[in-house]
Amino acid sequence: MQLLDVLLVNPPFCSDASGKPTAPENMGLTCGVMPPIQLVKLATILSKHGHSAKVLDLAILAGKNNVLQLFEELLSVVQVRYVGFSNHSVINLSAIEQLASIAKKYSATVLIGGINPTHMQGEIFQHVPSADVVFVGFSEKTLLEYVQNATLSKGVISKQSATVPRSLKDLEQNNADVAQALCTLDEATL
């Protein structure tokens, strides 16, 4: 069996994991597929530091393929330590949860990062209960640190430390915390 430290996944966006449109308004819609440029950047950083990392673009395969089946077939032949999902919207959280539950079945630690998790880390754990860790802000440094020693640091949130904003004031504080994490990460060098 092939071993892989990190598999970074660009999940389906306008269709669910079985290839069906995520919402009636997406019926017949050709969705623009966002290339996984940030995931390739993260994989490059991990590789430069001695970790095996690959990017899987399921967004490009969705709509015509059952990505659940493709993902399960891949994990049945490649042992992956960490599976990281990029998330840009609440639209694809159900697809991410389905994929994350498959990753857990194969004993992978599930990571989620991106625009949506940066501002809604508590909600991510509600919609993707299979997730182990959420990365907020830019994860060029925090992902490498986490893969090297599995420690939580500023910008890395576990289920136990995630909060769900309950009011506009809480949301304002959450965004201030994220802004502080981004400033801290921006000052860091690789």
C-alpha atoms as a PDB file:
ATOM      1  CA  MET A   1       0.000   0.000   0.000  1.00  0.00           C
ATOM      2  CA  GLN A   2       1.323   3.449  -0.910  1.00  0.00           C
ATOM      3  CA  LEU A   3       1.819   5.894   1.985  1.00  0.00           C
ATOM      4  CA  LEU A   4       1.045   9.615   1.767  1.00  0.00           C
ATOM      5  CA  ASP A   5       1.430  12.209   4.524  1.00  0.00           C
ATOM      6  CA  VAL A   6      -1.122  14.726   3.232  1.00  0.00           C
ATOM      7  CA  LEU A   7      -3.840  14.626   0.604  1.00  0.00           C
ATOM      8  CA  LEU A   8      -5.279  18.097  -0.084  1.00  0.00           C
ATOM      9  CA  VAL A   9      -8.739  17.944  -1.665  1.00  0.00           C
ATOM     10  CA  ASN A  10     -10.596  20.508  -3.745  1.00  0.00           C
ATOM     11  CA  PRO A  11     -14.142  19.197  -3.106  1.00  0.00           C
ATOM     12  CA  PRO A  12     -17.171  19.350  -5.430  1.00  0.00           C
ATOM     13  CA  PHE A  13     -18.797  22.767  -5.365  1.00  0.00           C
ATOM     14  CA  CYS A  14     -22.026  22.868  -7.413  1.00  0.00           C
ATOM     15  CA  SER A  15     -22.855  19.192  -7.093  1.00  0.00           C
ATOM     16  CA  ASP A  16     -22.950  16.852  -4.177  1.00  0.00           C
ATOM     17  CA  ALA A  17     -20.490  14.007  -3.829  1.00  0.00           C
ATOM     18  CA  SER A  18     -22.649  11.660  -5.896  1.00  0.00           C
ATOM     19  CA  GLY A  19     -22.740  14.084  -8.825  1.00  0.00           C
ATOM     20  CA  LYS A  20     -26.228  15.505  -8.253  1.00  0.00           C
ATOM     21  CA  PRO A  21     -26.662  19.314  -8.216  1.00  0.00           C
ATOM     22  CA  THR A  22     -26.517  20.689  -4.675  1.00  0.00           C
ATOM     23  CA  ALA A  23     -29.648  22.816  -5.041  1.00  0.00           C
ATOM     24  CA  PRO A  24     -32.479  23.172  -7.573  1.00  0.00           C
ATOM     25  CA  GLU A  25     -31.084  26.516  -8.701  1.00  0.00           C
ATOM     26  CA  ASN A  26     -27.914  24.705  -9.786  1.00  0.00           C
ATOM     27  CA  MET A  27     -29.821  22.383 -12.154  1.00  0.00           C
ATOM     28  CA  GLY A  28     -28.335  22.724 -15.603  1.00  0.00           C
ATOM     29  CA  LEU A  29     -25.812  25.254 -14.337  1.00  0.00           C
ATOM     30  CA  THR A  30     -22.262  24.915 -15.477  1.00  0.00           C
ATOM     31  CA  CYS A  31     -20.320  26.005 -12.456  1.00  0.00           C
ATOM     32  CA  GLY A  32     -17.019  27.741 -12.751  1.00  0.00           C
ATOM     33  CA  VAL A  33     -14.452  25.465 -11.204  1.00  0.00           C
ATOM     34  CA  MET A  34     -11.923  27.213  -8.999  1.00  0.00           C
ATOM     35  CA  PRO A  35      -8.503  25.714  -9.668  1.00  0.00           C
ATOM     36  CA  PRO A  36      -6.831  24.472  -6.488  1.00  0.00           C
ATOM     37  CA  ILE A  37      -3.921  26.931  -6.693  1.00  0.00           C
ATOM     38  CA  GLN A  38      -3.701  27.434  -2.917  1.00  0.00           C
ATOM     39  CA  LEU A  39      -3.722  23.669  -2.347  1.00  0.00           C
ATOM     40  CA  VAL A  40      -0.867  23.243  -4.833  1.00  0.00           C
ATOM     41  CA  LYS A  41       1.043  25.959  -2.963  1.00  0.00           C
ATOM     42  CA  LEU A  42       0.474  24.165   0.356  1.00  0.00           C
ATOM     43  CA  ALA A  43       1.522  20.807  -1.137  1.00  0.00           C
ATOM     44  CA  THR A  44       4.705  22.425  -2.465  1.00  0.00           C
ATOM     45  CA  ILE A  45       5.568  23.852   0.965  1.00  0.00           C
ATOM     46  CA  LEU A  46       4.963  20.474   2.617  1.00  0.00           C
ATOM     47  CA  SER A  47       7.063  18.684  -0.015  1.00  0.00           C
ATOM     48  CA  LYS A  48       9.952  21.140   0.396  1.00  0.00           C
ATOM     49  CA  HIS A  49       9.989  20.218   4.087  1.00  0.00           C
ATOM     50  CA  GLY A  50      10.130  16.466   3.461  1.00  0.00           C
ATOM     51  CA  HIS A  51       6.444  15.528   3.617  1.00  0.00           C
ATOM     52  CA  SER A  52       4.705  13.615   0.855  1.00  0.00           C
ATOM     53  CA  ALA A  53       1.730  15.673  -0.320  1.00  0.00           C
ATOM     54  CA  LYS A  54      -0.647  15.464  -3.275  1.00  0.00           C
ATOM     55  CA  VAL A  55      -3.619  17.502  -4.484  1.00  0.00           C
ATOM     56  CA  LEU A  56      -6.863  15.848  -5.582  1.00  0.00           C
ATOM     57  CA  ASP A  57      -9.208  18.067  -7.615  1.00  0.00           C
ATOM     58  CA  LEU A  58     -12.644  16.495  -7.130  1.00  0.00           C
ATOM     59  CA  ALA A  59     -14.384  19.704  -8.258  1.00  0.00           C
ATOM     60  CA  ILE A  60     -13.317  19.055 -11.832  1.00  0.00           C
ATOM     61  CA  LEU A  61     -14.563  15.455 -11.650  1.00  0.00           C
ATOM     62  CA  ALA A  62     -17.940  16.172 -10.007  1.00  0.00           C
ATOM     63  CA  GLY A  63     -21.118  16.278 -12.038  1.00  0.00           C
ATOM     64  CA  LYS A  64     -20.131  13.381 -14.266  1.00  0.00           C
ATOM     65  CA  ASN A  65     -18.636  11.080 -11.650  1.00  0.00           C
ATOM     66  CA  ASN A  66     -19.528   9.733  -8.259  1.00  0.00           C
ATOM     67  CA  VAL A  67     -16.656  11.313  -6.358  1.00  0.00           C
ATOM     68  CA  LEU A  68     -17.539   9.348  -3.210  1.00  0.00           C
ATOM     69  CA  GLN A  69     -16.746   6.155  -5.053  1.00  0.00           C
ATOM     70  CA  LEU A  70     -13.574   7.597  -6.618  1.00  0.00           C
ATOM     71  CA  PHE A  71     -12.400   8.891  -3.241  1.00  0.00           C
ATOM     72  CA  GLU A  72     -13.066   5.576  -1.496  1.00  0.00           C
ATOM     73  CA  GLU A  73     -11.210   3.683  -4.234  1.00  0.00           C
ATOM     74  CA  LEU A  74      -8.205   5.986  -3.806  1.00  0.00           C
ATOM     75  CA  LEU A  75      -8.111   5.642  -0.018  1.00  0.00           C
ATOM     76  CA  SER A  76      -8.379   1.856  -0.318  1.00  0.00           C
ATOM     77  CA  VAL A  77      -4.985   1.765  -2.080  1.00  0.00           C
ATOM     78  CA  VAL A  78      -3.207   4.798  -0.580  1.00  0.00           C
ATOM     79  CA  GLN A  79      -2.775   5.140   3.179  1.00  0.00           C
ATOM     80  CA  VAL A  80      -3.157   8.845   3.972  1.00  0.00           C
ATOM     81  CA  ARG A  81      -2.237  10.351   7.331  1.00  0.00           C
ATOM     82  CA  TYR A  82      -4.007  13.726   6.853  1.00  0.00           C
ATOM     83  CA  VAL A  83      -6.794  14.642   4.434  1.00  0.00           C
ATOM     84  CA  GLY A  84      -7.329  18.377   4.084  1.00  0.00           C
ATOM     85  CA  PHE A  85     -10.377  19.918   2.434  1.00  0.00           C
ATOM     86  CA  SER A  86     -10.586  23.406   0.988  1.00  0.00           C
ATOM     87  CA  ASN A  87     -13.917  25.109   1.707  1.00  0.00           C
ATOM     88  CA  HIS A  88     -15.122  28.341   0.131  1.00  0.00           C
ATOM     89  CA  SER A  89     -18.858  28.228   0.826  1.00  0.00           C
ATOM     90  CA  VAL A  90     -21.583  26.577   2.876  1.00  0.00           C
ATOM     91  CA  ILE A  91     -22.923  25.097  -0.374  1.00  0.00           C
ATOM     92  CA  ASN A  92     -20.557  22.132  -0.354  1.00  0.00           C
ATOM     93  CA  LEU A  93     -20.391  21.269   3.350  1.00  0.00           C
ATOM     94  CA  SER A  94     -22.586  18.175   2.952  1.00  0.00           C
ATOM     95  CA  ALA A  95     -20.294  16.852   0.227  1.00  0.00           C
ATOM     96  CA  ILE A  96     -17.261  17.555   2.419  1.00  0.00           C
ATOM     97  CA  GLU A  97     -18.861  15.691   5.339  1.00  0.00           C
ATOM     98  CA  GLN A  98     -19.550  12.660   3.140  1.00  0.00           C
ATOM     99  CA  LEU A  99     -15.940  12.658   1.926  1.00  0.00           C
ATOM    100  CA  ALA A 100     -14.585  13.347   5.423  1.00  0.00           C
ATOM    101  CA  SER A 101     -16.474  10.370   6.837  1.00  0.00           C
ATOM    102  CA  ILE A 102     -14.791   8.151   4.224  1.00  0.00           C
ATOM    103  CA  ALA A 103     -11.389   9.582   5.222  1.00  0.00           C
ATOM    104  CA  LYS A 104     -12.153   8.784   8.885  1.00  0.00           C
ATOM    105  CA  LYS A 105     -13.089   5.231   7.880  1.00  0.00           C
ATOM    106  CA  TYR A 106      -9.518   4.901   6.598  1.00  0.00           C
ATOM    107  CA  SER A 107      -8.098   6.420   9.833  1.00  0.00           C
ATOM    108  CA  ALA A 108      -7.054   9.764   8.343  1.00  0.00           C
ATOM    109  CA  THR A 109      -7.111  12.959  10.377  1.00  0.00           C
ATOM    110  CA  VAL A 110      -9.507  15.401   8.668  1.00  0.00           C
ATOM    111  CA  LEU A 111      -8.457  19.027   8.229  1.00  0.00           C
ATOM    112  CA  ILE A 112     -10.530  21.874   6.768  1.00  0.00           C
ATOM    113  CA  GLY A 113      -9.404  25.327   5.728  1.00  0.00           C
ATOM    114  CA  GLY A 114     -10.399  28.128   3.407  1.00  0.00           C
ATOM    115  CA  ILE A 115     -12.508  31.251   3.287  1.00  0.00           C
ATOM    116  CA  ASN A 116     -15.612  29.822   4.951  1.00  0.00           C
ATOM    117  CA  PRO A 117     -13.802  28.118   7.877  1.00  0.00           C
ATOM    118  CA  THR A 118     -11.781  31.258   8.554  1.00  0.00           C
ATOM    119  CA  HIS A 119     -14.932  33.124   9.506  1.00  0.00           C
ATOM    120  CA  MET A 120     -17.191  30.264  10.630  1.00  0.00           C
ATOM    121  CA  GLN A 121     -15.021  27.677  12.370  1.00  0.00           C
ATOM    122  CA  GLY A 122     -17.708  26.689  14.886  1.00  0.00           C
ATOM    123  CA  GLU A 123     -20.269  26.137  12.151  1.00  0.00           C
ATOM    124  CA  ILE A 124     -17.833  23.966  10.230  1.00  0.00           C
ATOM    125  CA  PHE A 125     -17.777  21.455  13.085  1.00  0.00           C
ATOM    126  CA  GLN A 126     -21.592  21.502  13.199  1.00  0.00           C
ATOM    127  CA  HIS A 127     -21.905  20.706   9.475  1.00  0.00           C
ATOM    128  CA  VAL A 128     -18.813  18.520   9.173  1.00  0.00           C
ATOM    129  CA  PRO A 129     -18.688  16.529  12.413  1.00  0.00           C
ATOM    130  CA  SER A 130     -16.008  14.256  10.923  1.00  0.00           C
ATOM    131  CA  ALA A 131     -13.555  17.190  10.861  1.00  0.00           C
ATOM    132  CA  ASP A 132     -10.776  17.092  13.429  1.00  0.00           C
ATOM    133  CA  VAL A 133      -9.166  20.494  12.910  1.00  0.00           C
ATOM    134  CA  VAL A 134     -10.050  23.776  11.189  1.00  0.00           C
ATOM    135  CA  PHE A 135      -7.394  26.159   9.886  1.00  0.00           C
ATOM    136  CA  VAL A 136      -8.210  29.861   9.845  1.00  0.00           C
ATOM    137  CA  GLY A 137      -6.472  32.428   7.711  1.00  0.00           C
ATOM    138  CA  PHE A 138      -3.554  31.518   5.514  1.00  0.00           C
ATOM    139  CA  SER A 139      -2.243  28.114   6.506  1.00  0.00           C
ATOM    140  CA  GLU A 140       1.175  28.108   4.841  1.00  0.00           C
ATOM    141  CA  LYS A 141       2.911  27.992   8.216  1.00  0.00           C
ATOM    142  CA  THR A 142       0.264  26.457  10.480  1.00  0.00           C
ATOM    143  CA  LEU A 143      -0.376  23.433   8.244  1.00  0.00           C
ATOM    144  CA  LEU A 144       3.333  22.624   8.111  1.00  0.00           C
ATOM    145  CA  GLU A 145       3.614  22.960  11.908  1.00  0.00           C
ATOM    146  CA  TYR A 146       0.532  20.805  12.439  1.00  0.00           C
ATOM    147  CA  VAL A 147       1.730  18.046  10.089  1.00  0.00           C
ATOM    148  CA  GLN A 148       5.159  18.056  11.743  1.00  0.00           C
ATOM    149  CA  ASN A 149       3.970  17.769  15.345  1.00  0.00           C
ATOM    150  CA  ALA A 150       0.136  17.824  15.516  1.00  0.00           C
ATOM    151  CA  THR A 151       0.095  20.777  17.891  1.00  0.00           C
ATOM    152  CA  LEU A 152      -2.602  23.382  17.961  1.00  0.00           C
ATOM    153  CA  SER A 153      -1.397  26.942  17.504  1.00  0.00           C
ATOM    154  CA  LYS A 154      -2.905  30.319  16.661  1.00  0.00           C
ATOM    155  CA  GLY A 155      -4.842  29.724  13.459  1.00  0.00           C
ATOM    156  CA  VAL A 156      -5.537  26.026  14.163  1.00  0.00           C
ATOM    157  CA  ILE A 157      -8.803  25.216  15.912  1.00  0.00           C
ATOM    158  CA  SER A 158      -9.991  21.924  17.376  1.00  0.00           C
ATOM    159  CA  LYS A 159     -13.586  20.938  18.091  1.00  0.00           C
ATOM    160  CA  GLN A 160     -13.045  21.659  21.759  1.00  0.00           C
ATOM    161  CA  SER A 161     -11.885  25.240  21.191  1.00  0.00           C
ATOM    162  CA  ALA A 162     -14.245  26.245  18.346  1.00  0.00           C
ATOM    163  CA  THR A 163     -16.991  28.701  19.107  1.00  0.00           C
ATOM    164  CA  VAL A 164     -20.214  29.405  17.287  1.00  0.00           C
ATOM    165  CA  PRO A 165     -21.073  33.115  17.300  1.00  0.00           C
ATOM    166  CA  ARG A 166     -24.439  33.567  18.999  1.00  0.00           C
ATOM    167  CA  SER A 167     -24.858  37.272  18.344  1.00  0.00           C
ATOM    168  CA  LEU A 168     -23.539  40.060  16.162  1.00  0.00           C
ATOM    169  CA  LYS A 169     -21.182  41.017  18.995  1.00  0.00           C
ATOM    170  CA  ASP A 170     -19.809  37.461  19.105  1.00  0.00           C
ATOM    171  CA  LEU A 171     -19.401  37.492  15.325  1.00  0.00           C
ATOM    172  CA  GLU A 172     -17.561  40.818  15.566  1.00  0.00           C
ATOM    173  CA  GLN A 173     -15.185  39.346  18.184  1.00  0.00           C
ATOM    174  CA  ASN A 174     -14.725  36.212  16.078  1.00  0.00           C
ATOM    175  CA  ASN A 175     -13.729  38.335  13.079  1.00  0.00           C
ATOM    176  CA  ALA A 176     -11.353  40.376  15.275  1.00  0.00           C
ATOM    177  CA  ASP A 177      -9.733  37.122  16.462  1.00  0.00           C
ATOM    178  CA  VAL A 178      -9.368  35.964  12.845  1.00  0.00           C
ATOM    179  CA  ALA A 179      -7.864  39.333  11.868  1.00  0.00           C
ATOM    180  CA  GLN A 180      -5.347  38.988  14.714  1.00  0.00           C
ATOM    181  CA  ALA A 181      -4.458  35.455  13.580  1.00  0.00           C
ATOM    182  CA  LEU A 182      -3.974  36.689  10.014  1.00  0.00           C
ATOM    183  CA  CYS A 183      -1.682  39.493  11.208  1.00  0.00           C
ATOM    184  CA  THR A 184       0.333  37.015  13.250  1.00  0.00           C
ATOM    185  CA  LEU A 185       0.629  34.630  10.303  1.00  0.00           C
ATOM    186  CA  ASP A 186       1.471  37.463   7.915  1.00  0.00           C
ATOM    187  CA  GLU A 187       4.443  38.429  10.093  1.00  0.00           C
ATOM    188  CA  ALA A 188       5.692  34.836  10.179  1.00  0.00           C
ATOM    189  CA  THR A 189       8.200  33.589   7.665  1.00  0.00           C
ATOM    190  CA  LEU A 190       8.602  30.096   6.369  1.00  0.00           C
END
